[in-house]
């Protein structure tokens, strides 16, 4: 049975889609019902994700009639890596694939060093990808 590793989880995917939608809109607030309808994201997931983005200061929210959300920063100043870290924490491929407990040989392990190099590469590649870049395809 083949197993796949997902770099981007569902919450991160939904968050990026919502941020891109708001970036395309450029001005004004975006309501939760508008996002649910346009992005076809289940409302309970979306509300939780928007709240996290607001708490991490990526979104500004306005409550009440006519309320909604908008980006707290310019789309070019929100990186994909930042969003990944908000929902998934730092990129870690594995603490140790050989044991369930932390390996006492971690400092000298060839595999761990290689995985660390791959993690650094992923971070370097994701950091310059911004919400603006994603909506413009670059």
N, C-alpha and C. Protein backbone atom coordinates (compact mmCIF):
# COMPACT_ATOMS: atom_id res chain seq x y z
N UNK A 1 0.84 -1.17 0.00
CA UNK A 1 0.00 0.00 0.00
C UNK A 1 0.89 1.24 0.00
N UNK A 2 0.70 2.12 -0.96
CA UNK A 2 1.49 3.34 -1.07
C UNK A 2 0.97 4.38 -0.09
N UNK A 3 1.89 5.07 0.55
CA UNK A 3 1.53 6.11 1.49
C UNK A 3 2.07 7.44 0.98
N UNK A 4 1.25 8.47 1.04
CA UNK A 4 1.72 9.77 0.58
C UNK A 4 1.93 10.69 1.77
N UNK A 5 2.89 11.58 1.64
CA UNK A 5 3.17 12.58 2.65
C UNK A 5 2.61 13.89 2.13
N UNK A 6 1.85 14.56 2.96
CA UNK A 6 1.26 15.83 2.55
C UNK A 6 1.96 16.98 3.23
N UNK A 7 2.55 17.83 2.45
CA UNK A 7 3.24 18.99 2.98
C UNK A 7 2.22 20.03 3.46
N UNK A 8 1.12 20.15 2.75
CA UNK A 8 0.08 21.12 3.06
C UNK A 8 -1.15 20.37 3.53
N UNK A 9 -1.58 20.63 4.77
CA UNK A 9 -2.78 19.94 5.27
C UNK A 9 -4.04 20.71 4.88
N UNK A 10 -5.18 20.15 5.24
CA UNK A 10 -6.46 20.72 4.83
C UNK A 10 -6.66 22.13 5.37
N UNK A 11 -6.34 22.35 6.64
CA UNK A 11 -6.53 23.69 7.22
C UNK A 11 -5.66 24.73 6.52
N UNK A 12 -4.43 24.38 6.23
CA UNK A 12 -3.54 25.30 5.52
C UNK A 12 -4.08 25.58 4.13
N UNK A 13 -4.54 24.56 3.45
CA UNK A 13 -5.12 24.72 2.11
C UNK A 13 -6.31 25.67 2.15
N UNK A 14 -7.23 25.45 3.08
CA UNK A 14 -8.40 26.32 3.21
C UNK A 14 -7.98 27.75 3.53
N UNK A 15 -6.99 27.91 4.41
CA UNK A 15 -6.52 29.24 4.79
C UNK A 15 -5.94 29.97 3.58
N UNK A 16 -5.12 29.28 2.82
CA UNK A 16 -4.51 29.90 1.63
C UNK A 16 -5.58 30.28 0.62
N UNK A 17 -6.55 29.41 0.42
CA UNK A 17 -7.63 29.73 -0.52
C UNK A 17 -8.40 30.97 -0.07
N UNK A 18 -8.68 31.07 1.23
CA UNK A 18 -9.41 32.23 1.76
C UNK A 18 -8.57 33.51 1.63
N UNK A 19 -7.29 33.42 1.96
CA UNK A 19 -6.41 34.58 1.84
C UNK A 19 -6.30 35.05 0.39
N UNK A 20 -6.16 34.11 -0.52
CA UNK A 20 -6.09 34.46 -1.95
C UNK A 20 -7.38 35.11 -2.43
N UNK A 21 -8.52 34.59 -1.99
CA UNK A 21 -9.81 35.17 -2.38
C UNK A 21 -9.88 36.63 -1.92
N UNK A 22 -9.51 36.87 -0.65
CA UNK A 22 -9.57 38.23 -0.12
C UNK A 22 -8.56 39.14 -0.81
N UNK A 23 -7.42 38.61 -1.18
CA UNK A 23 -6.40 39.41 -1.88
C UNK A 23 -6.90 39.81 -3.27
N UNK A 24 -7.60 38.91 -3.95
CA UNK A 24 -8.15 39.24 -5.27
C UNK A 24 -9.21 40.32 -5.17
N UNK A 25 -9.97 40.27 -4.09
CA UNK A 25 -11.05 41.23 -3.88
C UNK A 25 -10.50 42.64 -3.63
N UNK A 26 -9.34 42.73 -3.04
CA UNK A 26 -8.57 43.95 -2.79
C UNK A 26 -9.18 44.88 -1.74
N UNK A 27 -10.42 45.27 -1.87
CA UNK A 27 -10.99 46.23 -0.92
C UNK A 27 -12.25 45.70 -0.28
N UNK A 28 -12.56 46.26 0.87
CA UNK A 28 -13.78 45.90 1.58
C UNK A 28 -13.64 44.60 2.35
N UNK A 29 -14.67 44.32 3.08
CA UNK A 29 -14.72 43.11 3.90
C UNK A 29 -15.30 41.94 3.12
N UNK A 30 -14.88 40.76 3.49
CA UNK A 30 -15.42 39.54 2.89
C UNK A 30 -16.14 38.79 3.99
N UNK A 31 -17.40 38.48 3.75
CA UNK A 31 -18.20 37.79 4.77
C UNK A 31 -17.94 36.28 4.73
N UNK A 32 -18.24 35.64 5.84
CA UNK A 32 -18.11 34.19 5.90
C UNK A 32 -19.03 33.52 4.88
N UNK A 33 -20.32 33.93 4.78
CA UNK A 33 -21.18 33.30 3.77
C UNK A 33 -20.64 33.44 2.34
N UNK A 34 -20.03 34.58 2.03
CA UNK A 34 -19.44 34.78 0.70
C UNK A 34 -18.30 33.79 0.47
N UNK A 35 -17.45 33.62 1.47
CA UNK A 35 -16.33 32.69 1.34
C UNK A 35 -16.83 31.25 1.23
N UNK A 36 -17.81 30.89 2.05
CA UNK A 36 -18.36 29.53 2.01
C UNK A 36 -18.91 29.24 0.62
N UNK A 37 -19.67 30.17 0.08
CA UNK A 37 -20.28 29.98 -1.24
C UNK A 37 -19.24 29.95 -2.35
N UNK A 38 -18.31 30.88 -2.32
CA UNK A 38 -17.32 30.99 -3.40
C UNK A 38 -16.27 29.89 -3.37
N UNK A 39 -15.82 29.53 -2.17
CA UNK A 39 -14.73 28.56 -2.05
C UNK A 39 -15.19 27.14 -1.77
N UNK A 40 -16.47 27.00 -1.45
CA UNK A 40 -17.05 25.68 -1.12
C UNK A 40 -16.29 24.99 0.01
N UNK A 41 -16.02 25.77 1.03
CA UNK A 41 -15.37 25.26 2.23
C UNK A 41 -16.47 25.14 3.30
N UNK A 42 -16.53 24.00 3.99
CA UNK A 42 -17.55 23.86 5.04
C UNK A 42 -17.46 24.99 6.09
N UNK A 43 -18.58 25.58 6.39
CA UNK A 43 -18.63 26.73 7.29
C UNK A 43 -17.92 26.51 8.63
N UNK A 44 -18.14 25.37 9.32
CA UNK A 44 -17.47 25.20 10.62
C UNK A 44 -15.94 25.24 10.52
N UNK A 45 -15.39 24.61 9.48
CA UNK A 45 -13.94 24.64 9.27
C UNK A 45 -13.48 26.06 8.97
N UNK A 46 -14.21 26.72 8.10
CA UNK A 46 -13.81 28.06 7.66
C UNK A 46 -13.82 29.05 8.82
N UNK A 47 -14.84 29.02 9.65
CA UNK A 47 -14.91 29.96 10.78
C UNK A 47 -13.72 29.77 11.72
N UNK A 48 -13.38 28.52 11.98
CA UNK A 48 -12.24 28.22 12.86
C UNK A 48 -10.94 28.73 12.23
N UNK A 49 -10.77 28.50 10.96
CA UNK A 49 -9.56 28.93 10.24
C UNK A 49 -9.45 30.45 10.22
N UNK A 50 -10.54 31.13 9.95
CA UNK A 50 -10.53 32.59 9.92
C UNK A 50 -10.20 33.16 11.30
N UNK A 51 -10.70 32.52 12.35
CA UNK A 51 -10.40 32.97 13.71
C UNK A 51 -8.92 32.82 14.01
N UNK A 52 -8.33 31.70 13.60
CA UNK A 52 -6.89 31.50 13.80
C UNK A 52 -6.10 32.56 13.03
N UNK A 53 -6.47 32.81 11.79
CA UNK A 53 -5.78 33.83 10.98
C UNK A 53 -5.90 35.22 11.62
N UNK A 54 -7.06 35.49 12.20
CA UNK A 54 -7.26 36.76 12.90
C UNK A 54 -6.37 36.81 14.15
N UNK A 55 -6.34 35.75 14.93
CA UNK A 55 -5.52 35.71 16.15
C UNK A 55 -4.03 35.84 15.85
N UNK A 56 -3.60 35.36 14.68
CA UNK A 56 -2.19 35.45 14.27
C UNK A 56 -1.91 36.74 13.50
N UNK A 57 -2.89 37.64 13.48
CA UNK A 57 -2.76 38.96 12.87
C UNK A 57 -2.52 38.94 11.37
N UNK A 58 -3.09 37.94 10.71
CA UNK A 58 -3.06 37.90 9.25
C UNK A 58 -4.35 38.48 8.68
N UNK A 59 -5.40 38.50 9.50
CA UNK A 59 -6.68 39.07 9.10
C UNK A 59 -7.16 40.08 10.12
N UNK A 60 -7.94 41.02 9.64
CA UNK A 60 -8.67 41.97 10.49
C UNK A 60 -10.13 41.57 10.39
N UNK A 61 -10.83 41.58 11.52
CA UNK A 61 -12.24 41.22 11.48
C UNK A 61 -13.09 42.38 11.98
N UNK A 62 -14.29 42.41 11.45
CA UNK A 62 -15.28 43.38 11.90
C UNK A 62 -16.56 42.61 12.15
N UNK A 63 -17.08 42.72 13.37
CA UNK A 63 -18.29 41.99 13.74
C UNK A 63 -19.53 42.79 13.41
N UNK A 64 -20.67 42.09 13.43
CA UNK A 64 -21.95 42.74 13.24
C UNK A 64 -22.42 42.71 11.80
N UNK A 65 -23.57 43.38 11.58
CA UNK A 65 -24.15 43.46 10.24
C UNK A 65 -23.16 44.14 9.30
N UNK A 66 -22.93 43.53 8.17
CA UNK A 66 -21.98 44.06 7.21
C UNK A 66 -20.54 43.76 7.57
N UNK A 67 -20.34 42.93 8.58
CA UNK A 67 -19.01 42.58 9.03
C UNK A 67 -18.36 41.54 8.14
N UNK A 68 -17.14 41.22 8.49
CA UNK A 68 -16.41 40.22 7.73
C UNK A 68 -14.93 40.33 8.03
N UNK A 69 -14.14 39.89 7.07
CA UNK A 69 -12.69 39.83 7.24
C UNK A 69 -12.00 40.50 6.07
N UNK A 70 -10.78 40.99 6.33
CA UNK A 70 -9.91 41.48 5.27
C UNK A 70 -8.47 41.22 5.69
N UNK A 71 -7.58 41.26 4.73
CA UNK A 71 -6.17 41.02 5.01
C UNK A 71 -5.63 42.12 5.92
N UNK A 72 -4.80 41.72 6.87
CA UNK A 72 -4.17 42.67 7.78
C UNK A 72 -2.90 43.27 7.18
N UNK A 73 -2.37 42.61 6.16
CA UNK A 73 -1.15 43.07 5.48
C UNK A 73 -1.35 42.95 3.98
N UNK A 74 -0.47 43.57 3.25
CA UNK A 74 -0.49 43.44 1.81
C UNK A 74 -0.23 41.98 1.44
N UNK A 75 -0.85 41.48 0.37
CA UNK A 75 -0.65 40.07 -0.03
C UNK A 75 0.81 39.71 -0.29
N UNK A 76 1.62 40.68 -0.71
CA UNK A 76 3.03 40.39 -0.96
C UNK A 76 3.82 40.21 0.33
N UNK A 77 3.21 40.52 1.46
CA UNK A 77 3.88 40.40 2.76
C UNK A 77 3.37 39.22 3.58
N UNK A 78 2.61 38.34 2.95
CA UNK A 78 2.14 37.11 3.61
C UNK A 78 2.70 35.93 2.85
N UNK A 79 3.60 35.19 3.47
CA UNK A 79 4.22 34.07 2.78
C UNK A 79 3.50 32.76 3.05
N UNK A 80 3.62 31.85 2.11
CA UNK A 80 3.06 30.52 2.27
C UNK A 80 3.69 29.84 3.47
N UNK A 81 4.97 30.02 3.68
CA UNK A 81 5.66 29.41 4.82
C UNK A 81 5.04 29.88 6.13
N UNK A 82 4.71 31.15 6.22
CA UNK A 82 4.08 31.69 7.43
C UNK A 82 2.74 31.01 7.70
N UNK A 83 1.94 30.83 6.66
CA UNK A 83 0.64 30.19 6.82
C UNK A 83 0.81 28.72 7.20
N UNK A 84 1.75 28.04 6.58
CA UNK A 84 2.03 26.64 6.94
C UNK A 84 2.39 26.55 8.42
N UNK A 85 3.25 27.43 8.89
CA UNK A 85 3.66 27.40 10.30
C UNK A 85 2.51 27.69 11.25
N UNK A 86 1.59 28.57 10.84
CA UNK A 86 0.44 28.88 11.68
C UNK A 86 -0.40 27.62 11.93
N UNK A 87 -0.63 26.85 10.90
CA UNK A 87 -1.54 25.70 11.02
C UNK A 87 -0.84 24.37 11.26
N UNK A 88 0.44 24.28 10.96
CA UNK A 88 1.13 23.00 11.05
C UNK A 88 2.40 23.03 11.91
N UNK A 89 2.81 24.22 12.30
CA UNK A 89 4.06 24.34 13.03
C UNK A 89 5.23 24.29 12.06
N UNK A 90 6.45 24.23 12.61
CA UNK A 90 7.62 24.17 11.74
C UNK A 90 7.62 22.91 10.90
N UNK A 91 8.23 22.99 9.73
CA UNK A 91 8.29 21.82 8.85
C UNK A 91 9.28 20.82 9.43
N UNK A 92 8.77 19.65 9.74
CA UNK A 92 9.58 18.55 10.28
C UNK A 92 9.18 17.29 9.52
N UNK A 93 10.13 16.68 8.87
CA UNK A 93 9.85 15.45 8.15
C UNK A 93 9.74 14.27 9.10
N UNK A 94 10.60 14.25 10.11
CA UNK A 94 10.56 13.16 11.07
C UNK A 94 11.51 13.45 12.21
N UNK A 95 11.10 13.11 13.40
CA UNK A 95 12.01 13.18 14.53
C UNK A 95 12.98 12.01 14.43
N UNK A 96 12.46 10.84 14.15
CA UNK A 96 13.29 9.67 13.93
C UNK A 96 12.44 8.59 13.30
N UNK A 97 12.84 8.11 12.17
CA UNK A 97 12.07 7.08 11.50
C UNK A 97 12.42 5.68 11.99
N UNK A 98 13.46 5.58 12.78
CA UNK A 98 13.93 4.26 13.19
C UNK A 98 13.37 3.82 14.54
N UNK A 99 12.93 4.75 15.38
CA UNK A 99 12.44 4.40 16.70
C UNK A 99 11.23 5.26 17.04
N UNK A 100 10.39 4.77 17.95
CA UNK A 100 9.26 5.56 18.40
C UNK A 100 9.68 6.64 19.38
N UNK A 101 10.72 6.38 20.15
CA UNK A 101 11.22 7.36 21.11
C UNK A 101 12.33 8.18 20.47
N UNK A 102 12.65 9.32 21.09
CA UNK A 102 13.75 10.14 20.58
C UNK A 102 15.03 9.32 20.59
N UNK A 103 15.73 9.38 19.53
CA UNK A 103 16.94 8.57 19.35
C UNK A 103 18.12 9.20 20.10
N UNK A 104 18.84 8.42 20.90
CA UNK A 104 20.00 8.96 21.60
C UNK A 104 21.16 9.27 20.65
N UNK A 105 21.10 8.75 19.43
CA UNK A 105 22.16 8.94 18.45
C UNK A 105 21.82 10.06 17.46
N UNK A 106 20.88 10.90 17.84
CA UNK A 106 20.35 11.93 16.94
C UNK A 106 21.44 12.84 16.35
N UNK A 107 22.41 13.25 17.16
CA UNK A 107 23.45 14.17 16.69
C UNK A 107 24.36 13.54 15.64
N UNK A 108 24.54 12.24 15.67
CA UNK A 108 25.45 11.56 14.76
C UNK A 108 24.74 10.81 13.63
N UNK A 109 23.45 10.92 13.55
CA UNK A 109 22.67 10.13 12.60
C UNK A 109 22.74 10.74 11.19
N UNK A 110 23.21 9.96 10.25
CA UNK A 110 23.30 10.40 8.86
C UNK A 110 21.93 10.74 8.30
N UNK A 111 20.93 9.89 8.55
CA UNK A 111 19.59 10.11 8.02
C UNK A 111 19.00 11.41 8.58
N UNK A 112 19.16 11.65 9.86
CA UNK A 112 18.63 12.87 10.48
C UNK A 112 19.26 14.11 9.85
N UNK A 113 20.58 14.07 9.60
CA UNK A 113 21.25 15.21 8.96
C UNK A 113 20.67 15.45 7.57
N UNK A 114 20.45 14.37 6.81
CA UNK A 114 19.89 14.51 5.46
C UNK A 114 18.47 15.07 5.51
N UNK A 115 17.67 14.58 6.46
CA UNK A 115 16.30 15.09 6.60
C UNK A 115 16.32 16.57 6.99
N UNK A 116 17.28 16.95 7.84
CA UNK A 116 17.43 18.37 8.20
C UNK A 116 17.74 19.23 6.99
N UNK A 117 18.58 18.72 6.10
CA UNK A 117 18.92 19.44 4.87
C UNK A 117 17.68 19.60 3.99
N UNK A 118 16.88 18.56 3.89
CA UNK A 118 15.65 18.61 3.10
C UNK A 118 14.66 19.61 3.71
N UNK A 119 14.53 19.60 5.04
CA UNK A 119 13.65 20.55 5.72
C UNK A 119 14.08 21.99 5.43
N UNK A 120 15.38 22.25 5.49
CA UNK A 120 15.89 23.60 5.19
C UNK A 120 15.56 23.99 3.75
N UNK A 121 15.73 23.06 2.82
CA UNK A 121 15.44 23.32 1.42
C UNK A 121 13.96 23.67 1.23
N UNK A 122 13.08 22.93 1.88
CA UNK A 122 11.64 23.20 1.77
C UNK A 122 11.34 24.60 2.31
N UNK A 123 11.91 24.95 3.46
CA UNK A 123 11.69 26.28 4.03
C UNK A 123 12.17 27.37 3.08
N UNK A 124 13.34 27.18 2.50
CA UNK A 124 13.90 28.17 1.56
C UNK A 124 12.99 28.32 0.34
N UNK A 125 12.44 27.22 -0.15
CA UNK A 125 11.58 27.28 -1.33
C UNK A 125 10.22 27.88 -1.03
N UNK A 126 9.67 27.65 0.17
CA UNK A 126 8.33 28.15 0.50
C UNK A 126 8.32 29.62 0.92
N UNK A 127 9.39 30.08 1.53
CA UNK A 127 9.41 31.44 2.09
C UNK A 127 9.11 32.53 1.06
N UNK A 128 9.66 32.51 -0.13
CA UNK A 128 9.37 33.59 -1.08
C UNK A 128 8.00 33.48 -1.77
N UNK A 129 7.31 32.39 -1.58
CA UNK A 129 5.97 32.25 -2.19
C UNK A 129 4.99 33.05 -1.34
N UNK A 130 4.37 34.03 -1.95
CA UNK A 130 3.44 34.90 -1.22
C UNK A 130 2.03 34.73 -1.75
N UNK A 131 1.11 35.27 -0.99
CA UNK A 131 -0.30 35.26 -1.44
C UNK A 131 -0.41 36.02 -2.76
N UNK A 132 0.28 37.14 -2.87
CA UNK A 132 0.25 37.89 -4.12
C UNK A 132 0.80 37.06 -5.28
N UNK A 133 1.91 36.38 -5.04
CA UNK A 133 2.50 35.54 -6.08
C UNK A 133 1.56 34.42 -6.50
N UNK A 134 0.82 33.87 -5.55
CA UNK A 134 -0.10 32.78 -5.90
C UNK A 134 -1.27 33.28 -6.73
N UNK A 135 -1.76 34.47 -6.44
CA UNK A 135 -2.91 34.94 -7.23
C UNK A 135 -2.50 35.41 -8.62
N UNK A 136 -1.22 35.74 -8.77
CA UNK A 136 -0.72 36.18 -10.09
C UNK A 136 0.05 35.08 -10.81
N UNK A 137 0.18 33.92 -10.18
CA UNK A 137 0.84 32.79 -10.82
C UNK A 137 2.35 32.91 -10.93
N UNK A 138 2.98 33.59 -9.96
CA UNK A 138 4.44 33.68 -9.99
C UNK A 138 5.04 33.54 -8.61
